[in-house]
Amino acid sequence: MEIYENEFKSEKNFDLLGVEFNACRIEQMVNLIDNLDVSDSSAHISFIGAPIVNLCQKDSEYLKLYQETTITSIDGQPIVNLANKVGIDCQRCAGPDVMSLVLERSVKKNEKHFFYGATDNVLKMLTKNLNERFSGIEIVGCYAPPYRELTKEEDSKIIASMINSGADYIWVGLGAPKQDLWINCHLARIPHVKFMAVGAAFDFYAGTLKRAPEWIRKIGLEWVYRFLKEPRRLWRRYIVGGFEWRRNKRKFVKGLKQKNFV
């Protein structure tokens, strides 16, 4: 795969085995996204947790991909815990939570939104629920791509549709890392846009997938809830990935000890 360099980057403050994060509190994250200047170049905002950190340790191309994002938000309590260990005051800034706050603020600014990903049914329910929840929201387009690679003609058509829509935000729900690869490939082709890679947020707000209760999210066990809901799809990510994460976590902590940080 070819990774395109993103000239427009926001300062990142936490390096976890080469994956650089904007570690902050959720209000700061929303402000950071809101204040991005995309007059010269579009922005790529990603929300990633331990599974993607694991992937980046095995594949240098994916590491490069996530090093090229404009903003990388911590979407995983284990990563928050490590950032706290090195003295950074931050919290989990999950895609669905940030999405809600960004949408709420965008209504007051008359900003426009395009949704790319999921299925036609999910997008139908998503737009219905968002219109009910955020009165005055401007949804200017939706597209559910087929379960295959788009032809050049199809891709060009959807790009033209996004540009013509005048969207300020393009929300991408393809799952990581696929959604971030798609954004990276299209970043330079669609100007003046904030691309938001929010994964399962589409299903959560469409009501087609139930999110873990807040108390489970607060104690960092949302992954257990999701695994129990979809064990056949997520067992490799969370069971096999759990062993990989423990190994990578030890590697990170060992590095801190060698620097006499802990």
C-alpha atoms as a PDB file:
ATOM      1  CA  MET A   1       0.000   0.000   0.000  1.00  0.00           C
ATOM      2  CA  GLU A   2       1.123   3.576  -0.650  1.00  0.00           C
ATOM      3  CA  ILE A   3       0.950   6.047   2.230  1.00  0.00           C
ATOM      4  CA  TYR A   4       0.643   9.703   1.324  1.00  0.00           C
ATOM      5  CA  GLU A   5       2.333  12.334   3.450  1.00  0.00           C
ATOM      6  CA  ASN A   6       0.022  14.781   5.170  1.00  0.00           C
ATOM      7  CA  GLU A   7       1.553  18.269   5.189  1.00  0.00           C
ATOM      8  CA  PHE A   8      -0.958  19.541   7.728  1.00  0.00           C
ATOM      9  CA  LYS A   9      -0.285  18.076  11.163  1.00  0.00           C
ATOM     10  CA  SER A  10      -1.265  19.067  14.661  1.00  0.00           C
ATOM     11  CA  GLU A  11       1.307  18.809  17.438  1.00  0.00           C
ATOM     12  CA  LYS A  12       1.237  15.420  19.152  1.00  0.00           C
ATOM     13  CA  ASN A  13       2.375  14.961  22.736  1.00  0.00           C
ATOM     14  CA  PHE A  14       2.479  11.229  23.493  1.00  0.00           C
ATOM     15  CA  ASP A  15       4.610   8.676  21.645  1.00  0.00           C
ATOM     16  CA  LEU A  16       3.633   5.047  22.235  1.00  0.00           C
ATOM     17  CA  LEU A  17       6.115   2.800  20.424  1.00  0.00           C
ATOM     18  CA  GLY A  18       6.162   5.154  17.453  1.00  0.00           C
ATOM     19  CA  VAL A  19       2.406   5.818  17.358  1.00  0.00           C
ATOM     20  CA  GLU A  20       1.946   9.474  18.224  1.00  0.00           C
ATOM     21  CA  PHE A  21      -1.197  10.680  19.994  1.00  0.00           C
ATOM     22  CA  ASN A  22      -2.867  13.949  20.859  1.00  0.00           C
ATOM     23  CA  ALA A  23      -3.372  12.998  24.497  1.00  0.00           C
ATOM     24  CA  CYS A  24      -5.837  15.399  26.120  1.00  0.00           C
ATOM     25  CA  ARG A  25      -9.248  15.672  27.717  1.00  0.00           C
ATOM     26  CA  ILE A  26     -12.377  15.389  25.601  1.00  0.00           C
ATOM     27  CA  GLU A  27     -13.235  19.113  25.745  1.00  0.00           C
ATOM     28  CA  GLN A  28      -9.727  19.896  24.517  1.00  0.00           C
ATOM     29  CA  MET A  29     -10.060  17.352  21.717  1.00  0.00           C
ATOM     30  CA  VAL A  30     -13.306  18.903  20.485  1.00  0.00           C
ATOM     31  CA  ASN A  31     -11.721  22.357  20.587  1.00  0.00           C
ATOM     32  CA  LEU A  32      -8.687  21.066  18.721  1.00  0.00           C
ATOM     33  CA  ILE A  33     -10.835  19.620  15.943  1.00  0.00           C
ATOM     34  CA  ASP A  34     -13.118  22.657  15.835  1.00  0.00           C
ATOM     35  CA  ASN A  35     -10.186  25.053  15.480  1.00  0.00           C
ATOM     36  CA  LEU A  36      -8.394  23.168  12.705  1.00  0.00           C
ATOM     37  CA  ASP A  37      -7.739  25.431   9.733  1.00  0.00           C
ATOM     38  CA  VAL A  38      -8.410  23.479   6.552  1.00  0.00           C
ATOM     39  CA  SER A  39      -8.188  26.418   4.169  1.00  0.00           C
ATOM     40  CA  ASP A  40      -4.989  25.026   2.634  1.00  0.00           C
ATOM     41  CA  SER A  41      -5.225  21.275   3.263  1.00  0.00           C
ATOM     42  CA  SER A  42      -7.770  18.771   4.528  1.00  0.00           C
ATOM     43  CA  ALA A  43      -7.332  17.103   7.924  1.00  0.00           C
ATOM     44  CA  HIS A  44      -7.374  13.437   8.968  1.00  0.00           C
ATOM     45  CA  ILE A  45      -8.679  12.797  12.483  1.00  0.00           C
ATOM     46  CA  SER A  46      -8.312   9.224  13.721  1.00  0.00           C
ATOM     47  CA  PHE A  47      -9.499   7.463  16.885  1.00  0.00           C
ATOM     48  CA  ILE A  48      -7.454   4.395  17.752  1.00  0.00           C
ATOM     49  CA  GLY A  49      -6.878   1.974  20.593  1.00  0.00           C
ATOM     50  CA  ALA A  50      -4.607  -0.919  21.494  1.00  0.00           C
ATOM     51  CA  PRO A  51      -5.467  -3.125  18.449  1.00  0.00           C
ATOM     52  CA  ILE A  52      -4.067  -0.515  16.061  1.00  0.00           C
ATOM     53  CA  VAL A  53      -0.968   0.013  18.209  1.00  0.00           C
ATOM     54  CA  ASN A  54      -0.438  -3.755  17.985  1.00  0.00           C
ATOM     55  CA  LEU A  55      -0.842  -3.647  14.207  1.00  0.00           C
ATOM     56  CA  CYS A  56       1.688  -0.835  13.894  1.00  0.00           C
ATOM     57  CA  GLN A  57       4.314  -2.917  15.714  1.00  0.00           C
ATOM     58  CA  LYS A  58       3.953  -5.656  13.104  1.00  0.00           C
ATOM     59  CA  ASP A  59       3.668  -3.542   9.963  1.00  0.00           C
ATOM     60  CA  SER A  60       5.793  -0.459   9.305  1.00  0.00           C
ATOM     61  CA  GLU A  61       3.427   0.750   6.577  1.00  0.00           C
ATOM     62  CA  TYR A  62       0.578   1.014   9.050  1.00  0.00           C
ATOM     63  CA  LEU A  63       2.884   2.772  11.506  1.00  0.00           C
ATOM     64  CA  LYS A  64       3.664   5.317   8.787  1.00  0.00           C
ATOM     65  CA  LEU A  65      -0.052   5.690   8.061  1.00  0.00           C
ATOM     66  CA  TYR A  66      -0.867   6.643  11.646  1.00  0.00           C
ATOM     67  CA  GLN A  67       2.173   8.876  11.911  1.00  0.00           C
ATOM     68  CA  GLU A  68       0.725  10.865   9.000  1.00  0.00           C
ATOM     69  CA  THR A  69      -2.641  11.644  10.607  1.00  0.00           C
ATOM     70  CA  THR A  70      -3.423  15.239  11.535  1.00  0.00           C
ATOM     71  CA  ILE A  71      -4.857  14.269  14.907  1.00  0.00           C
ATOM     72  CA  THR A  72      -4.753  10.863  16.571  1.00  0.00           C
ATOM     73  CA  SER A  73      -7.126  10.578  19.514  1.00  0.00           C
ATOM     74  CA  ILE A  74      -6.749   7.978  22.249  1.00  0.00           C
ATOM     75  CA  ASP A  75      -9.720   5.618  21.936  1.00  0.00           C
ATOM     76  CA  GLY A  76      -8.714   3.076  24.570  1.00  0.00           C
ATOM     77  CA  GLN A  77      -8.364   3.208  28.351  1.00  0.00           C
ATOM     78  CA  PRO A  78      -5.148   1.120  28.446  1.00  0.00           C
ATOM     79  CA  ILE A  79      -3.412   3.813  26.370  1.00  0.00           C
ATOM     80  CA  VAL A  80      -4.815   6.552  28.606  1.00  0.00           C
ATOM     81  CA  ASN A  81      -3.340   4.722  31.594  1.00  0.00           C
ATOM     82  CA  LEU A  82       0.118   4.712  30.006  1.00  0.00           C
ATOM     83  CA  ALA A  83      -0.127   8.401  29.119  1.00  0.00           C
ATOM     84  CA  ASN A  84      -1.124   9.142  32.725  1.00  0.00           C
ATOM     85  CA  LYS A  85       1.924   7.149  33.841  1.00  0.00           C
ATOM     86  CA  VAL A  86       4.227   9.615  32.085  1.00  0.00           C
ATOM     87  CA  GLY A  87       2.403  12.573  33.608  1.00  0.00           C
ATOM     88  CA  ILE A  88      -0.015  13.559  30.844  1.00  0.00           C
ATOM     89  CA  ASP A  89      -3.461  14.622  32.079  1.00  0.00           C
ATOM     90  CA  CYS A  90      -5.794  13.039  29.564  1.00  0.00           C
ATOM     91  CA  GLN A  91      -8.856  10.859  29.193  1.00  0.00           C
ATOM     92  CA  ARG A  92     -10.283   8.515  26.612  1.00  0.00           C
ATOM     93  CA  CYS A  93     -11.597  10.495  23.651  1.00  0.00           C
ATOM     94  CA  ALA A  94     -13.627   7.848  21.838  1.00  0.00           C
ATOM     95  CA  GLY A  95     -14.962   8.441  18.352  1.00  0.00           C
ATOM     96  CA  PRO A  96     -18.673   8.228  19.275  1.00  0.00           C
ATOM     97  CA  ASP A  97     -18.278  10.652  22.201  1.00  0.00           C
ATOM     98  CA  VAL A  98     -16.293  13.210  20.214  1.00  0.00           C
ATOM     99  CA  MET A  99     -18.689  12.806  17.287  1.00  0.00           C
ATOM    100  CA  SER A 100     -21.665  13.803  19.417  1.00  0.00           C
ATOM    101  CA  LEU A 101     -19.964  16.946  20.715  1.00  0.00           C
ATOM    102  CA  VAL A 102     -18.663  17.962  17.295  1.00  0.00           C
ATOM    103  CA  LEU A 103     -22.117  17.521  15.727  1.00  0.00           C
ATOM    104  CA  GLU A 104     -23.726  19.559  18.483  1.00  0.00           C
ATOM    105  CA  ARG A 105     -21.272  22.408  17.990  1.00  0.00           C
ATOM    106  CA  SER A 106     -21.505  22.240  14.198  1.00  0.00           C
ATOM    107  CA  VAL A 107     -25.225  23.036  14.241  1.00  0.00           C
ATOM    108  CA  LYS A 108     -24.481  26.455  15.718  1.00  0.00           C
ATOM    109  CA  LYS A 109     -21.882  27.074  13.007  1.00  0.00           C
ATOM    110  CA  ASN A 110     -24.066  25.843  10.113  1.00  0.00           C
ATOM    111  CA  GLU A 111     -21.456  23.259   9.148  1.00  0.00           C
ATOM    112  CA  LYS A 112     -22.300  20.452   6.742  1.00  0.00           C
ATOM    113  CA  HIS A 113     -21.791  16.699   7.043  1.00  0.00           C
ATOM    114  CA  PHE A 114     -21.299  13.775   4.664  1.00  0.00           C
ATOM    115  CA  PHE A 115     -21.384  10.147   5.871  1.00  0.00           C
ATOM    116  CA  TYR A 116     -19.419   7.411   4.077  1.00  0.00           C
ATOM    117  CA  GLY A 117     -19.558   3.764   5.116  1.00  0.00           C
ATOM    118  CA  ALA A 118     -21.813   1.134   6.695  1.00  0.00           C
ATOM    119  CA  THR A 119     -24.936   0.033   4.776  1.00  0.00           C
ATOM    120  CA  ASP A 120     -27.900   1.816   3.235  1.00  0.00           C
ATOM    121  CA  ASN A 121     -30.096   0.763   6.154  1.00  0.00           C
ATOM    122  CA  VAL A 122     -27.597   1.977   8.762  1.00  0.00           C
ATOM    123  CA  LEU A 123     -27.211   5.315   6.977  1.00  0.00           C
ATOM    124  CA  LYS A 124     -30.988   5.700   6.741  1.00  0.00           C
ATOM    125  CA  MET A 125     -31.391   5.147  10.485  1.00  0.00           C
ATOM    126  CA  LEU A 126     -28.320   7.242  11.261  1.00  0.00           C
ATOM    127  CA  THR A 127     -29.569  10.317   9.414  1.00  0.00           C
ATOM    128  CA  LYS A 128     -33.048   9.918  10.911  1.00  0.00           C
ATOM    129  CA  ASN A 129     -31.713   9.733  14.463  1.00  0.00           C
ATOM    130  CA  LEU A 130     -29.215  12.548  14.024  1.00  0.00           C
ATOM    131  CA  ASN A 131     -31.894  14.838  12.587  1.00  0.00           C
ATOM    132  CA  GLU A 132     -34.052  14.121  15.613  1.00  0.00           C
ATOM    133  CA  ARG A 133     -31.223  14.553  18.103  1.00  0.00           C
ATOM    134  CA  PHE A 134     -29.520  17.615  16.589  1.00  0.00           C
ATOM    135  CA  SER A 135     -32.204  19.973  15.359  1.00  0.00           C
ATOM    136  CA  GLY A 136     -30.950  21.935  12.372  1.00  0.00           C
ATOM    137  CA  ILE A 137     -28.081  19.590  11.490  1.00  0.00           C
ATOM    138  CA  GLU A 138     -27.095  19.803   7.816  1.00  0.00           C
ATOM    139  CA  ILE A 139     -26.530  16.344   6.358  1.00  0.00           C
ATOM    140  CA  VAL A 140     -25.606  16.907   2.716  1.00  0.00           C
ATOM    141  CA  GLY A 141     -24.828  13.369   1.605  1.00  0.00           C
ATOM    142  CA  CYS A 142     -24.454   9.680   2.453  1.00  0.00           C
ATOM    143  CA  TYR A 143     -22.900   6.758   0.635  1.00  0.00           C
ATOM    144  CA  ALA A 144     -22.676   3.083   1.553  1.00  0.00           C
ATOM    145  CA  PRO A 145     -19.861   1.584  -0.537  1.00  0.00           C
ATOM    146  CA  PRO A 146     -20.221  -1.985  -1.847  1.00  0.00           C
ATOM    147  CA  TYR A 147     -18.276  -4.861  -0.270  1.00  0.00           C
ATOM    148  CA  ARG A 148     -15.605  -4.678  -2.964  1.00  0.00           C
ATOM    149  CA  GLU A 149     -13.090  -2.169  -4.217  1.00  0.00           C
ATOM    150  CA  LEU A 150     -14.669   0.697  -6.122  1.00  0.00           C
ATOM    151  CA  THR A 151     -13.811   1.138  -9.785  1.00  0.00           C
ATOM    152  CA  LYS A 152     -11.965   4.330 -10.716  1.00  0.00           C
ATOM    153  CA  GLU A 153     -15.172   5.662 -12.248  1.00  0.00           C
ATOM    154  CA  GLU A 154     -17.200   4.913  -9.109  1.00  0.00           C
ATOM    155  CA  ASP A 155     -14.540   6.444  -6.897  1.00  0.00           C
ATOM    156  CA  SER A 156     -14.335   9.592  -9.020  1.00  0.00           C
ATOM    157  CA  LYS A 157     -18.112   9.924  -8.904  1.00  0.00           C
ATOM    158  CA  ILE A 158     -18.297   9.739  -5.104  1.00  0.00           C
ATOM    159  CA  ILE A 159     -15.406  12.192  -4.774  1.00  0.00           C
ATOM    160  CA  ALA A 160     -17.227  14.657  -7.030  1.00  0.00           C
ATOM    161  CA  SER A 161     -20.371  14.159  -4.944  1.00  0.00           C
ATOM    162  CA  MET A 162     -18.481  14.954  -1.741  1.00  0.00           C
ATOM    163  CA  ILE A 163     -16.863  18.055  -3.200  1.00  0.00           C
ATOM    164  CA  ASN A 164     -20.131  19.332  -4.694  1.00  0.00           C
ATOM    165  CA  SER A 165     -21.944  18.775  -1.390  1.00  0.00           C
ATOM    166  CA  GLY A 166     -19.879  21.483   0.284  1.00  0.00           C
ATOM    167  CA  ALA A 167     -19.343  19.245   3.306  1.00  0.00           C
ATOM    168  CA  ASP A 168     -17.179  20.568   6.133  1.00  0.00           C
ATOM    169  CA  TYR A 169     -16.938  17.135   7.742  1.00  0.00           C
ATOM    170  CA  ILE A 170     -16.730  13.758   6.033  1.00  0.00           C
ATOM    171  CA  TRP A 171     -17.459  10.996   8.551  1.00  0.00           C
ATOM    172  CA  VAL A 172     -16.007   7.615   7.596  1.00  0.00           C
ATOM    173  CA  GLY A 173     -17.310   4.417   9.168  1.00  0.00           C
ATOM    174  CA  LEU A 174     -15.414   1.546   7.579  1.00  0.00           C
ATOM    175  CA  GLY A 175     -13.610   0.243  10.657  1.00  0.00           C
ATOM    176  CA  ALA A 176      -9.909   0.660  11.393  1.00  0.00           C
ATOM    177  CA  PRO A 177      -7.508   0.487   9.656  1.00  0.00           C
ATOM    178  CA  LYS A 178      -9.599   0.403   6.449  1.00  0.00           C
ATOM    179  CA  GLN A 179     -11.205   3.789   7.122  1.00  0.00           C
ATOM    180  CA  ASP A 180      -7.846   5.458   7.733  1.00  0.00           C
ATOM    181  CA  LEU A 181      -6.384   3.958   4.570  1.00  0.00           C
ATOM    182  CA  TRP A 182      -9.350   5.318   2.619  1.00  0.00           C
ATOM    183  CA  ILE A 183      -8.942   8.782   4.119  1.00  0.00           C
ATOM    184  CA  ASN A 184      -5.208   8.808   3.488  1.00  0.00           C
ATOM    185  CA  CYS A 185      -5.793   8.007  -0.184  1.00  0.00           C
ATOM    186  CA  HIS A 186      -8.462  10.690  -0.611  1.00  0.00           C
ATOM    187  CA  LEU A 187      -7.126  13.449   1.615  1.00  0.00           C
ATOM    188  CA  ALA A 188      -5.480  15.439  -1.161  1.00  0.00           C
ATOM    189  CA  ARG A 189      -8.359  14.898  -3.586  1.00  0.00           C
ATOM    190  CA  ILE A 190     -11.094  16.487  -1.481  1.00  0.00           C
ATOM    191  CA  PRO A 191     -10.045  19.946  -0.256  1.00  0.00           C
ATOM    192  CA  HIS A 192     -11.018  21.963   2.834  1.00  0.00           C
ATOM    193  CA  VAL A 193     -12.550  19.052   4.722  1.00  0.00           C
ATOM    194  CA  LYS A 194     -12.142  17.411   8.134  1.00  0.00           C
ATOM    195  CA  PHE A 195     -12.170  13.630   7.686  1.00  0.00           C
ATOM    196  CA  MET A 196     -13.356  11.841  10.834  1.00  0.00           C
ATOM    197  CA  ALA A 197     -12.581   8.097  11.119  1.00  0.00           C
ATOM    198  CA  VAL A 198     -15.176   6.995  13.664  1.00  0.00           C
ATOM    199  CA  GLY A 199     -15.816   3.302  12.926  1.00  0.00           C
ATOM    200  CA  ALA A 200     -18.704   1.776  14.879  1.00  0.00           C
ATOM    201  CA  ALA A 201     -20.134   5.198  15.755  1.00  0.00           C
ATOM    202  CA  PHE A 202     -22.387   4.894  12.705  1.00  0.00           C
ATOM    203  CA  ASP A 203     -24.010   1.767  14.130  1.00  0.00           C
ATOM    204  CA  PHE A 204     -24.262   3.204  17.634  1.00  0.00           C
ATOM    205  CA  TYR A 205     -26.117   6.321  16.509  1.00  0.00           C
ATOM    206  CA  ALA A 206     -28.203   4.386  13.990  1.00  0.00           C
ATOM    207  CA  GLY A 207     -29.321   2.115  16.820  1.00  0.00           C
ATOM    208  CA  THR A 208     -28.238  -1.023  14.966  1.00  0.00           C
ATOM    209  CA  LEU A 209     -25.548  -1.813  17.545  1.00  0.00           C
ATOM    210  CA  LYS A 210     -25.928  -1.150  21.257  1.00  0.00           C
ATOM    211  CA  ARG A 211     -23.035   0.571  22.966  1.00  0.00           C
ATOM    212  CA  ALA A 212     -21.766  -0.476  26.375  1.00  0.00           C
ATOM    213  CA  PRO A 213     -23.341   1.353  29.342  1.00  0.00           C
ATOM    214  CA  GLU A 214     -21.397   4.385  30.529  1.00  0.00           C
ATOM    215  CA  TRP A 215     -20.250   2.719  33.769  1.00  0.00           C
ATOM    216  CA  ILE A 216     -18.612  -0.085  31.769  1.00  0.00           C
ATOM    217  CA  ARG A 217     -16.886   2.451  29.522  1.00  0.00           C
ATOM    218  CA  LYS A 218     -15.618   4.398  32.521  1.00  0.00           C
ATOM    219  CA  ILE A 219     -13.833   1.378  34.003  1.00  0.00           C
ATOM    220  CA  GLY A 220     -12.219   0.558  30.664  1.00  0.00           C
ATOM    221  CA  LEU A 221     -14.130  -2.641  29.892  1.00  0.00           C
ATOM    222  CA  GLU A 222     -16.088  -1.628  26.809  1.00  0.00           C
ATOM    223  CA  TRP A 223     -14.007  -4.118  24.842  1.00  0.00           C
ATOM    224  CA  VAL A 224     -15.445  -6.968  26.973  1.00  0.00           C
ATOM    225  CA  TYR A 225     -18.976  -5.788  26.257  1.00  0.00           C
ATOM    226  CA  ARG A 226     -18.316  -5.577  22.512  1.00  0.00           C
ATOM    227  CA  PHE A 227     -16.626  -8.977  22.473  1.00  0.00           C
ATOM    228  CA  LEU A 228     -19.610 -10.612  24.182  1.00  0.00           C
ATOM    229  CA  LYS A 229     -21.908  -9.011  21.607  1.00  0.00           C
ATOM    230  CA  GLU A 230     -19.855 -10.116  18.577  1.00  0.00           C
ATOM    231  CA  PRO A 231     -17.481 -12.921  19.675  1.00  0.00           C
ATOM    232  CA  ARG A 232     -17.059 -14.531  16.246  1.00  0.00           C
ATOM    233  CA  ARG A 233     -16.031 -11.251  14.623  1.00  0.00           C
ATOM    234  CA  LEU A 234     -13.961  -9.788  17.454  1.00  0.00           C
ATOM    235  CA  TRP A 235     -12.253 -12.754  19.120  1.00  0.00           C
ATOM    236  CA  ARG A 236      -8.981 -12.274  17.269  1.00  0.00           C
ATOM    237  CA  ARG A 237      -8.898  -8.528  17.935  1.00  0.00           C
ATOM    238  CA  TYR A 238      -9.497  -8.836  21.656  1.00  0.00           C
ATOM    239  CA  ILE A 239      -8.187 -12.281  22.680  1.00  0.00           C
ATOM    240  CA  VAL A 240      -5.128 -12.665  20.471  1.00  0.00           C
ATOM    241  CA  GLY A 241      -4.687  -8.898  20.495  1.00  0.00           C
ATOM    242  CA  GLY A 242      -4.783  -8.904  24.277  1.00  0.00           C
ATOM    243  CA  PHE A 243      -1.609 -11.009  24.457  1.00  0.00           C
ATOM    244  CA  GLU A 244       0.064  -8.760  21.870  1.00  0.00           C
ATOM    245  CA  TRP A 245      -0.912  -5.669  23.848  1.00  0.00           C
ATOM    246  CA  ARG A 246       0.573  -7.015  27.074  1.00  0.00           C
ATOM    247  CA  ARG A 247       3.839  -7.656  25.254  1.00  0.00           C
ATOM    248  CA  ASN A 248       3.868  -4.174  23.735  1.00  0.00           C
ATOM    249  CA  LYS A 249       2.925  -2.593  27.041  1.00  0.00           C
ATOM    250  CA  ARG A 250       5.880  -4.303  28.744  1.00  0.00           C
ATOM    251  CA  LYS A 251       8.142  -3.041  25.980  1.00  0.00           C
ATOM    252  CA  PHE A 252       6.937   0.528  26.523  1.00  0.00           C
ATOM    253  CA  VAL A 253       7.270   0.373  30.312  1.00  0.00           C
ATOM    254  CA  LYS A 254      10.739  -1.163  29.975  1.00  0.00           C
ATOM    255  CA  GLY A 255      11.724   1.829  27.852  1.00  0.00           C
ATOM    256  CA  LEU A 256      10.512   4.169  30.574  1.00  0.00           C
ATOM    257  CA  LYS A 257      12.553   2.334  33.188  1.00  0.00           C
ATOM    258  CA  GLN A 258      15.666   2.539  31.035  1.00  0.00           C
ATOM    259  CA  LYS A 259      15.151   6.302  30.924  1.00  0.00           C
ATOM    260  CA  ASN A 260      14.703   6.293  34.714  1.00  0.00           C
ATOM    261  CA  PHE A 261      11.182   7.656  34.192  1.00  0.00           C
ATOM    262  CA  VAL A 262       9.504   5.067  36.439  1.00  0.00           C
END
